[in-house]
């Protein structure tokens, strides 16, 4: 899966789960400040990303995530790893 495909999937999830406007979602959008997500929203997003990727997402992988692009990079790294 390419980074563009990951970005599109994450954008779709953000729109679907949190009723965000697709035009507000950009790679540099900050999750908490710009998109107004909270920690419970972040956990919900991780759960949906685990289902979408079929991979377990370790909490430490997402501790430093601040922007939509950070999520894309973390999922890309996860998909590139050999661990299930």
PDB file of N, CA and C in Angstrom:
ATOM      1  N   UNK A   1       0.847  -1.176   0.000  1.00  0.00           N
ATOM      2  CA  UNK A   1       0.000   0.000   0.000  1.00  0.00           C
ATOM      3  C   UNK A   1       0.899   1.249   0.000  1.00  0.00           C
ATOM      4  N   UNK A   2       0.632   2.160  -0.906  1.00  0.00           N
ATOM      5  CA  UNK A   2       1.459   3.370  -1.001  1.00  0.00           C
ATOM      6  C   UNK A   2       1.064   4.375   0.083  1.00  0.00           C
ATOM      7  N   UNK A   3       1.942   5.348   0.299  1.00  0.00           N
ATOM      8  CA  UNK A   3       1.633   6.384   1.288  1.00  0.00           C
ATOM      9  C   UNK A   3       0.383   7.166   0.890  1.00  0.00           C
ATOM     10  N   UNK A   4       0.182   7.367  -0.402  1.00  0.00           N
ATOM     11  CA  UNK A   4      -1.015   8.069  -0.865  1.00  0.00           C
ATOM     12  C   UNK A   4      -2.269   7.268  -0.520  1.00  0.00           C
ATOM     13  N   UNK A   5      -2.214   5.962  -0.725  1.00  0.00           N
ATOM     14  CA  UNK A   5      -3.358   5.109  -0.388  1.00  0.00           C
ATOM     15  C   UNK A   5      -3.623   5.118   1.119  1.00  0.00           C
ATOM     16  N   UNK A   6      -2.547   5.092   1.908  1.00  0.00           N
ATOM     17  CA  UNK A   6      -2.686   5.154   3.366  1.00  0.00           C
ATOM     18  C   UNK A   6      -3.325   6.480   3.758  1.00  0.00           C
ATOM     19  N   UNK A   7      -2.834   7.569   3.169  1.00  0.00           N
ATOM     20  CA  UNK A   7      -3.379   8.903   3.462  1.00  0.00           C
ATOM     21  C   UNK A   7      -4.871   8.966   3.117  1.00  0.00           C
ATOM     22  N   UNK A   8      -5.240   8.427   1.966  1.00  0.00           N
ATOM     23  CA  UNK A   8      -6.646   8.450   1.549  1.00  0.00           C
ATOM     24  C   UNK A   8      -7.509   7.631   2.510  1.00  0.00           C
ATOM     25  N   UNK A   9      -6.996   6.514   2.957  1.00  0.00           N
ATOM     26  CA  UNK A   9      -7.744   5.677   3.885  1.00  0.00           C
ATOM     27  C   UNK A   9      -7.907   6.383   5.235  1.00  0.00           C
ATOM     28  N   UNK A  10      -6.846   7.006   5.715  1.00  0.00           N
ATOM     29  CA  UNK A  10      -6.910   7.735   6.984  1.00  0.00           C
ATOM     30  C   UNK A  10      -7.869   8.917   6.871  1.00  0.00           C
ATOM     31  N   UNK A  11      -7.795   9.642   5.772  1.00  0.00           N
ATOM     32  CA  UNK A  11      -8.715  10.766   5.559  1.00  0.00           C
ATOM     33  C   UNK A  11     -10.159  10.284   5.581  1.00  0.00           C
ATOM     34  N   UNK A  12     -10.411   9.175   4.893  1.00  0.00           N
ATOM     35  CA  UNK A  12     -11.755   8.611   4.875  1.00  0.00           C
ATOM     36  C   UNK A  12     -12.238   8.227   6.258  1.00  0.00           C
ATOM     37  N   UNK A  13     -11.347   7.636   7.047  1.00  0.00           N
ATOM     38  CA  UNK A  13     -11.706   7.265   8.412  1.00  0.00           C
ATOM     39  C   UNK A  13     -12.012   8.499   9.265  1.00  0.00           C
ATOM     40  N   UNK A  14     -11.201   9.537   9.123  1.00  0.00           N
ATOM     41  CA  UNK A  14     -11.419  10.758   9.898  1.00  0.00           C
ATOM     42  C   UNK A  14     -12.771  11.388   9.563  1.00  0.00           C
ATOM     43  N   UNK A  15     -13.120  11.369   8.292  1.00  0.00           N
ATOM     44  CA  UNK A  15     -14.418  11.921   7.864  1.00  0.00           C
ATOM     45  C   UNK A  15     -15.558  11.060   8.420  1.00  0.00           C
ATOM     46  N   UNK A  16     -15.411   9.745   8.262  1.00  0.00           N
ATOM     47  CA  UNK A  16     -16.477   8.818   8.670  1.00  0.00           C
ATOM     48  C   UNK A  16     -16.651   8.767  10.193  1.00  0.00           C
ATOM     49  N   UNK A  17     -15.546   8.640  10.918  1.00  0.00           N
ATOM     50  CA  UNK A  17     -15.626   8.445  12.363  1.00  0.00           C
ATOM     51  C   UNK A  17     -15.934   9.722  13.131  1.00  0.00           C
ATOM     52  N   UNK A  18     -15.361  10.823  12.673  1.00  0.00           N
ATOM     53  CA  UNK A  18     -15.435  12.049  13.466  1.00  0.00           C
ATOM     54  C   UNK A  18     -16.180  13.178  12.760  1.00  0.00           C
ATOM     55  N   UNK A  19     -16.821  12.845  11.631  1.00  0.00           N
ATOM     56  CA  UNK A  19     -17.626  13.804  10.883  1.00  0.00           C
ATOM     57  C   UNK A  19     -16.855  15.090  10.562  1.00  0.00           C
ATOM     58  N   UNK A  20     -15.592  14.912  10.198  1.00  0.00           N
ATOM     59  CA  UNK A  20     -14.768  16.049   9.807  1.00  0.00           C
ATOM     60  C   UNK A  20     -15.005  16.364   8.336  1.00  0.00           C
ATOM     61  N   UNK A  21     -14.768  17.596   7.966  1.00  0.00           N
ATOM     62  CA  UNK A  21     -14.857  18.015   6.571  1.00  0.00           C
ATOM     63  C   UNK A  21     -13.582  17.560   5.866  1.00  0.00           C
ATOM     64  N   UNK A  22     -13.726  16.848   4.767  1.00  0.00           N
ATOM     65  CA  UNK A  22     -12.562  16.330   4.032  1.00  0.00           C
ATOM     66  C   UNK A  22     -11.607  17.455   3.637  1.00  0.00           C
ATOM     67  N   UNK A  23     -12.130  18.647   3.388  1.00  0.00           N
ATOM     68  CA  UNK A  23     -11.276  19.778   3.003  1.00  0.00           C
ATOM     69  C   UNK A  23     -10.377  20.251   4.142  1.00  0.00           C
ATOM     70  N   UNK A  24     -10.744  19.923   5.394  1.00  0.00           N
ATOM     71  CA  UNK A  24      -9.949  20.325   6.552  1.00  0.00           C
ATOM     72  C   UNK A  24      -8.780  19.373   6.808  1.00  0.00           C
ATOM     73  N   UNK A  25      -8.811  18.210   6.173  1.00  0.00           N
ATOM     74  CA  UNK A  25      -7.790  17.188   6.429  1.00  0.00           C
ATOM     75  C   UNK A  25      -6.675  17.321   5.399  1.00  0.00           C
ATOM     76  N   UNK A  26      -5.503  17.678   5.912  1.00  0.00           N
ATOM     77  CA  UNK A  26      -4.311  17.823   5.082  1.00  0.00           C
ATOM     78  C   UNK A  26      -3.172  17.086   5.795  1.00  0.00           C
ATOM     79  N   UNK A  27      -2.115  16.729   5.074  1.00  0.00           N
ATOM     80  CA  UNK A  27      -1.013  16.021   5.745  1.00  0.00           C
ATOM     81  C   UNK A  27      -0.473  16.769   6.967  1.00  0.00           C
ATOM     82  N   UNK A  28      -0.448  18.097   6.895  1.00  0.00           N
ATOM     83  CA  UNK A  28       0.117  18.876   8.007  1.00  0.00           C
ATOM     84  C   UNK A  28      -0.897  19.189   9.101  1.00  0.00           C
ATOM     85  N   UNK A  29      -2.152  18.764   8.936  1.00  0.00           N
ATOM     86  CA  UNK A  29      -3.184  19.021   9.949  1.00  0.00           C
ATOM     87  C   UNK A  29      -2.807  18.351  11.265  1.00  0.00           C
ATOM     88  N   UNK A  30      -2.828  19.148  12.332  1.00  0.00           N
ATOM     89  CA  UNK A  30      -2.538  18.611  13.667  1.00  0.00           C
ATOM     90  C   UNK A  30      -3.813  17.988  14.222  1.00  0.00           C
ATOM     91  N   UNK A  31      -3.678  16.782  14.739  1.00  0.00           N
ATOM     92  CA  UNK A  31      -4.845  16.012  15.175  1.00  0.00           C
ATOM     93  C   UNK A  31      -5.620  16.709  16.280  1.00  0.00           C
ATOM     94  N   UNK A  32      -4.919  17.202  17.277  1.00  0.00           N
ATOM     95  CA  UNK A  32      -5.602  17.760  18.441  1.00  0.00           C
ATOM     96  C   UNK A  32      -5.962  19.235  18.248  1.00  0.00           C
ATOM     97  N   UNK A  33      -5.054  20.004  17.694  1.00  0.00           N
ATOM     98  CA  UNK A  33      -5.295  21.438  17.560  1.00  0.00           C
ATOM     99  C   UNK A  33      -6.173  21.773  16.352  1.00  0.00           C
ATOM    100  N   UNK A  34      -5.846  21.214  15.187  1.00  0.00           N
ATOM    101  CA  UNK A  34      -6.563  21.578  13.954  1.00  0.00           C
ATOM    102  C   UNK A  34      -7.844  20.774  13.753  1.00  0.00           C
ATOM    103  N   UNK A  35      -7.787  19.477  14.059  1.00  0.00           N
ATOM    104  CA  UNK A  35      -8.929  18.604  13.799  1.00  0.00           C
ATOM    105  C   UNK A  35      -9.785  18.378  15.045  1.00  0.00           C
ATOM    106  N   UNK A  36      -9.337  18.904  16.177  1.00  0.00           N
ATOM    107  CA  UNK A  36     -10.099  18.880  17.425  1.00  0.00           C
ATOM    108  C   UNK A  36     -10.407  17.467  17.914  1.00  0.00           C
ATOM    109  N   UNK A  37      -9.461  16.550  17.710  1.00  0.00           N
ATOM    110  CA  UNK A  37      -9.619  15.201  18.248  1.00  0.00           C
ATOM    111  C   UNK A  37      -9.129  15.191  19.684  1.00  0.00           C
ATOM    112  N   UNK A  38      -9.612  14.233  20.464  1.00  0.00           N
ATOM    113  CA  UNK A  38      -9.098  14.072  21.819  1.00  0.00           C
ATOM    114  C   UNK A  38      -8.480  12.676  21.944  1.00  0.00           C
ATOM    115  N   UNK A  39      -8.016  12.333  23.125  1.00  0.00           N
ATOM    116  CA  UNK A  39      -7.308  11.061  23.287  1.00  0.00           C
ATOM    117  C   UNK A  39      -8.222   9.863  23.041  1.00  0.00           C
ATOM    118  N   UNK A  40      -9.486   9.970  23.372  1.00  0.00           N
ATOM    119  CA  UNK A  40     -10.421   8.877  23.112  1.00  0.00           C
ATOM    120  C   UNK A  40     -10.620   8.705  21.612  1.00  0.00           C
ATOM    121  N   UNK A  41     -10.692   9.819  20.885  1.00  0.00           N
ATOM    122  CA  UNK A  41     -10.780   9.757  19.425  1.00  0.00           C
ATOM    123  C   UNK A  41      -9.551   9.069  18.843  1.00  0.00           C
ATOM    124  N   UNK A  42      -8.386   9.374  19.399  1.00  0.00           N
ATOM    125  CA  UNK A  42      -7.140   8.780  18.905  1.00  0.00           C
ATOM    126  C   UNK A  42      -7.151   7.264  19.097  1.00  0.00           C
ATOM    127  N   UNK A  43      -7.644   6.805  20.246  1.00  0.00           N
ATOM    128  CA  UNK A  43      -7.732   5.367  20.508  1.00  0.00           C
ATOM    129  C   UNK A  43      -8.702   4.724  19.518  1.00  0.00           C
ATOM    130  N   UNK A  44      -9.826   5.377  19.286  1.00  0.00           N
ATOM    131  CA  UNK A  44     -10.816   4.871  18.327  1.00  0.00           C
ATOM    132  C   UNK A  44     -10.199   4.758  16.932  1.00  0.00           C
ATOM    133  N   UNK A  45      -9.430   5.750  16.554  1.00  0.00           N
ATOM    134  CA  UNK A  45      -8.767   5.740  15.247  1.00  0.00           C
ATOM    135  C   UNK A  45      -7.784   4.575  15.155  1.00  0.00           C
ATOM    136  N   UNK A  46      -7.004   4.356  16.206  1.00  0.00           N
ATOM    137  CA  UNK A  46      -6.033   3.253  16.211  1.00  0.00           C
ATOM    138  C   UNK A  46      -6.751   1.912  16.059  1.00  0.00           C
ATOM    139  N   UNK A  47      -7.882   1.736  16.756  1.00  0.00           N
ATOM    140  CA  UNK A  47      -8.648   0.492  16.659  1.00  0.00           C
ATOM    141  C   UNK A  47      -9.083   0.260  15.209  1.00  0.00           C
ATOM    142  N   UNK A  48      -9.585   1.300  14.552  1.00  0.00           N
ATOM    143  CA  UNK A  48     -10.020   1.164  13.163  1.00  0.00           C
ATOM    144  C   UNK A  48      -8.834   0.913  12.220  1.00  0.00           C
ATOM    145  N   UNK A  49      -7.708   1.538  12.508  1.00  0.00           N
ATOM    146  CA  UNK A  49      -6.514   1.319  11.681  1.00  0.00           C
ATOM    147  C   UNK A  49      -5.998  -0.107  11.833  1.00  0.00           C
ATOM    148  N   UNK A  50      -6.107  -0.662  13.040  1.00  0.00           N
ATOM    149  CA  UNK A  50      -5.703  -2.057  13.254  1.00  0.00           C
ATOM    150  C   UNK A  50      -6.569  -2.995  12.419  1.00  0.00           C
ATOM    151  N   UNK A  51      -7.871  -2.718  12.390  1.00  0.00           N
ATOM    152  CA  UNK A  51      -8.774  -3.541  11.584  1.00  0.00           C
ATOM    153  C   UNK A  51      -8.436  -3.402  10.099  1.00  0.00           C
ATOM    154  N   UNK A  52      -8.157  -2.178   9.671  1.00  0.00           N
ATOM    155  CA  UNK A  52      -7.889  -1.925   8.249  1.00  0.00           C
ATOM    156  C   UNK A  52      -6.581  -2.565   7.794  1.00  0.00           C
ATOM    157  N   UNK A  53      -5.570  -2.565   8.676  1.00  0.00           N
ATOM    158  CA  UNK A  53      -4.266  -3.091   8.286  1.00  0.00           C
ATOM    159  C   UNK A  53      -4.085  -4.563   8.651  1.00  0.00           C
ATOM    160  N   UNK A  54      -4.889  -5.038   9.592  1.00  0.00           N
ATOM    161  CA  UNK A  54      -4.725  -6.402  10.060  1.00  0.00           C
ATOM    162  C   UNK A  54      -3.486  -6.574  10.916  1.00  0.00           C
ATOM    163  N   UNK A  55      -2.947  -5.463  11.399  1.00  0.00           N
ATOM    164  CA  UNK A  55      -1.726  -5.499  12.219  1.00  0.00           C
ATOM    165  C   UNK A  55      -2.001  -4.871  13.575  1.00  0.00           C
ATOM    166  N   UNK A  56      -1.304  -5.375  14.581  1.00  0.00           N
ATOM    167  CA  UNK A  56      -1.392  -4.809  15.924  1.00  0.00           C
ATOM    168  C   UNK A  56      -0.561  -3.534  15.956  1.00  0.00           C
ATOM    169  N   UNK A  57      -1.165  -2.470  16.433  1.00  0.00           N
ATOM    170  CA  UNK A  57      -0.456  -1.196  16.538  1.00  0.00           C
ATOM    171  C   UNK A  57      -0.055  -0.998  17.991  1.00  0.00           C
ATOM    172  N   UNK A  58       1.241  -0.909  18.221  1.00  0.00           N
ATOM    173  CA  UNK A  58       1.745  -0.723  19.573  1.00  0.00           C
ATOM    174  C   UNK A  58       1.539   0.733  19.994  1.00  0.00           C
ATOM    175  N   UNK A  59       1.104   0.950  21.236  1.00  0.00           N
ATOM    176  CA  UNK A  59       0.864   2.329  21.696  1.00  0.00           C
ATOM    177  C   UNK A  59       2.077   3.243  21.516  1.00  0.00           C
ATOM    178  N   UNK A  60       3.275   2.706  21.720  1.00  0.00           N
ATOM    179  CA  UNK A  60       4.473   3.548  21.581  1.00  0.00           C
ATOM    180  C   UNK A  60       4.660   4.049  20.147  1.00  0.00           C
ATOM    181  N   UNK A  61       4.098   3.324  19.187  1.00  0.00           N
ATOM    182  CA  UNK A  61       4.184   3.760  17.792  1.00  0.00           C
ATOM    183  C   UNK A  61       3.407   5.052  17.564  1.00  0.00           C
ATOM    184  N   UNK A  62       2.419   5.287  18.407  1.00  0.00           N
ATOM    185  CA  UNK A  62       1.555   6.438  18.195  1.00  0.00           C
ATOM    186  C   UNK A  62       1.750   7.545  19.220  1.00  0.00           C
ATOM    187  N   UNK A  63       2.670   7.368  20.154  1.00  0.00           N
ATOM    188  CA  UNK A  63       2.902   8.408  21.165  1.00  0.00           C
ATOM    189  C   UNK A  63       3.402   9.715  20.551  1.00  0.00           C
ATOM    190  N   UNK A  64       4.202   9.630  19.510  1.00  0.00           N
ATOM    191  CA  UNK A  64       4.787  10.844  18.923  1.00  0.00           C
ATOM    192  C   UNK A  64       3.966  11.382  17.750  1.00  0.00           C
ATOM    193  N   UNK A  65       2.844  10.755  17.456  1.00  0.00           N
ATOM    194  CA  UNK A  65       2.011  11.185  16.333  1.00  0.00           C
ATOM    195  C   UNK A  65       1.311  12.499  16.676  1.00  0.00           C
ATOM    196  N   UNK A  66       1.526  13.488  15.817  1.00  0.00           N
ATOM    197  CA  UNK A  66       0.908  14.804  16.039  1.00  0.00           C
ATOM    198  C   UNK A  66       0.069  15.253  14.845  1.00  0.00           C
ATOM    199  N   UNK A  67       0.442  14.798  13.640  1.00  0.00           N
ATOM    200  CA  UNK A  67      -0.237  15.253  12.430  1.00  0.00           C
ATOM    201  C   UNK A  67      -0.771  14.055  11.636  1.00  0.00           C
ATOM    202  N   UNK A  68      -1.579  14.353  10.650  1.00  0.00           N
ATOM    203  CA  UNK A  68      -2.092  13.302   9.760  1.00  0.00           C
ATOM    204  C   UNK A  68      -0.917  12.606   9.070  1.00  0.00           C
ATOM    205  N   UNK A  69       0.088  13.367   8.642  1.00  0.00           N
ATOM    206  CA  UNK A  69       1.262  12.767   7.987  1.00  0.00           C
ATOM    207  C   UNK A  69       2.007  11.835   8.940  1.00  0.00           C
ATOM    208  N   UNK A  70       2.039  12.165  10.222  1.00  0.00           N
ATOM    209  CA  UNK A  70       2.675  11.277  11.201  1.00  0.00           C
ATOM    210  C   UNK A  70       1.975   9.917  11.232  1.00  0.00           C
ATOM    211  N   UNK A  71       0.640   9.939  11.131  1.00  0.00           N
ATOM    212  CA  UNK A  71      -0.107   8.678  11.108  1.00  0.00           C
ATOM    213  C   UNK A  71       0.252   7.897   9.852  1.00  0.00           C
ATOM    214  N   UNK A  72       0.277   8.580   8.719  1.00  0.00           N
ATOM    215  CA  UNK A  72       0.623   7.925   7.450  1.00  0.00           C
ATOM    216  C   UNK A  72       1.999   7.264   7.573  1.00  0.00           C
ATOM    217  N   UNK A  73       2.969   7.998   8.108  1.00  0.00           N
ATOM    218  CA  UNK A  73       4.330   7.464   8.241  1.00  0.00           C
ATOM    219  C   UNK A  73       4.364   6.266   9.192  1.00  0.00           C
ATOM    220  N   UNK A  74       3.615   6.348  10.302  1.00  0.00           N
ATOM    221  CA  UNK A  74       3.601   5.249  11.275  1.00  0.00           C
ATOM    222  C   UNK A  74       2.963   3.996  10.669  1.00  0.00           C
ATOM    223  N   UNK A  75       1.871   4.164   9.924  1.00  0.00           N
ATOM    224  CA  UNK A  75       1.213   3.018   9.301  1.00  0.00           C
ATOM    225  C   UNK A  75       2.092   2.445   8.194  1.00  0.00           C
ATOM    226  N   UNK A  76       2.744   3.317   7.433  1.00  0.00           N
ATOM    227  CA  UNK A  76       3.654   2.852   6.383  1.00  0.00           C
ATOM    228  C   UNK A  76       4.776   2.009   6.986  1.00  0.00           C
ATOM    229  N   UNK A  77       5.354   2.480   8.084  1.00  0.00           N
ATOM    230  CA  UNK A  77       6.427   1.730   8.749  1.00  0.00           C
ATOM    231  C   UNK A  77       5.895   0.405   9.286  1.00  0.00           C
ATOM    232  N   UNK A  78       4.689   0.427   9.816  1.00  0.00           N
ATOM    233  CA  UNK A  78       4.081  -0.789  10.349  1.00  0.00           C
ATOM    234  C   UNK A  78       3.859  -1.817   9.230  1.00  0.00           C
ATOM    235  N   UNK A  79       3.366  -1.352   8.104  1.00  0.00           N
ATOM    236  CA  UNK A  79       3.114  -2.263   6.989  1.00  0.00           C
ATOM    237  C   UNK A  79       4.409  -2.799   6.386  1.00  0.00           C
ATOM    238  N   UNK A  80       5.491  -2.016   6.490  1.00  0.00           N
ATOM    239  CA  UNK A  80       6.787  -2.460   5.984  1.00  0.00           C
ATOM    240  C   UNK A  80       7.465  -3.450   6.908  1.00  0.00           C
ATOM    241  N   UNK A  81       7.036  -3.455   8.180  1.00  0.00           N
ATOM    242  CA  UNK A  81       7.675  -4.365   9.155  1.00  0.00           C
ATOM    243  C   UNK A  81       7.204  -5.787   8.910  1.00  0.00           C
ATOM    244  N   UNK A  82       7.974  -6.720   9.372  1.00  0.00           N
ATOM    245  CA  UNK A  82       7.652  -8.128   9.168  1.00  0.00           C
ATOM    246  C   UNK A  82       6.742  -8.686  10.248  1.00  0.00           C
ATOM    247  N   UNK A  83       6.572  -7.930  11.341  1.00  0.00           N
ATOM    248  CA  UNK A  83       5.751  -8.424  12.444  1.00  0.00           C
ATOM    249  C   UNK A  83       4.275  -8.384  12.088  1.00  0.00           C
ATOM    250  N   UNK A  84       3.531  -9.413  12.462  1.00  0.00           N
ATOM    251  CA  UNK A  84       2.072  -9.406  12.222  1.00  0.00           C
ATOM    252  C   UNK A  84       1.369  -8.498  13.214  1.00  0.00           C
TER     253      UNK A  84
END
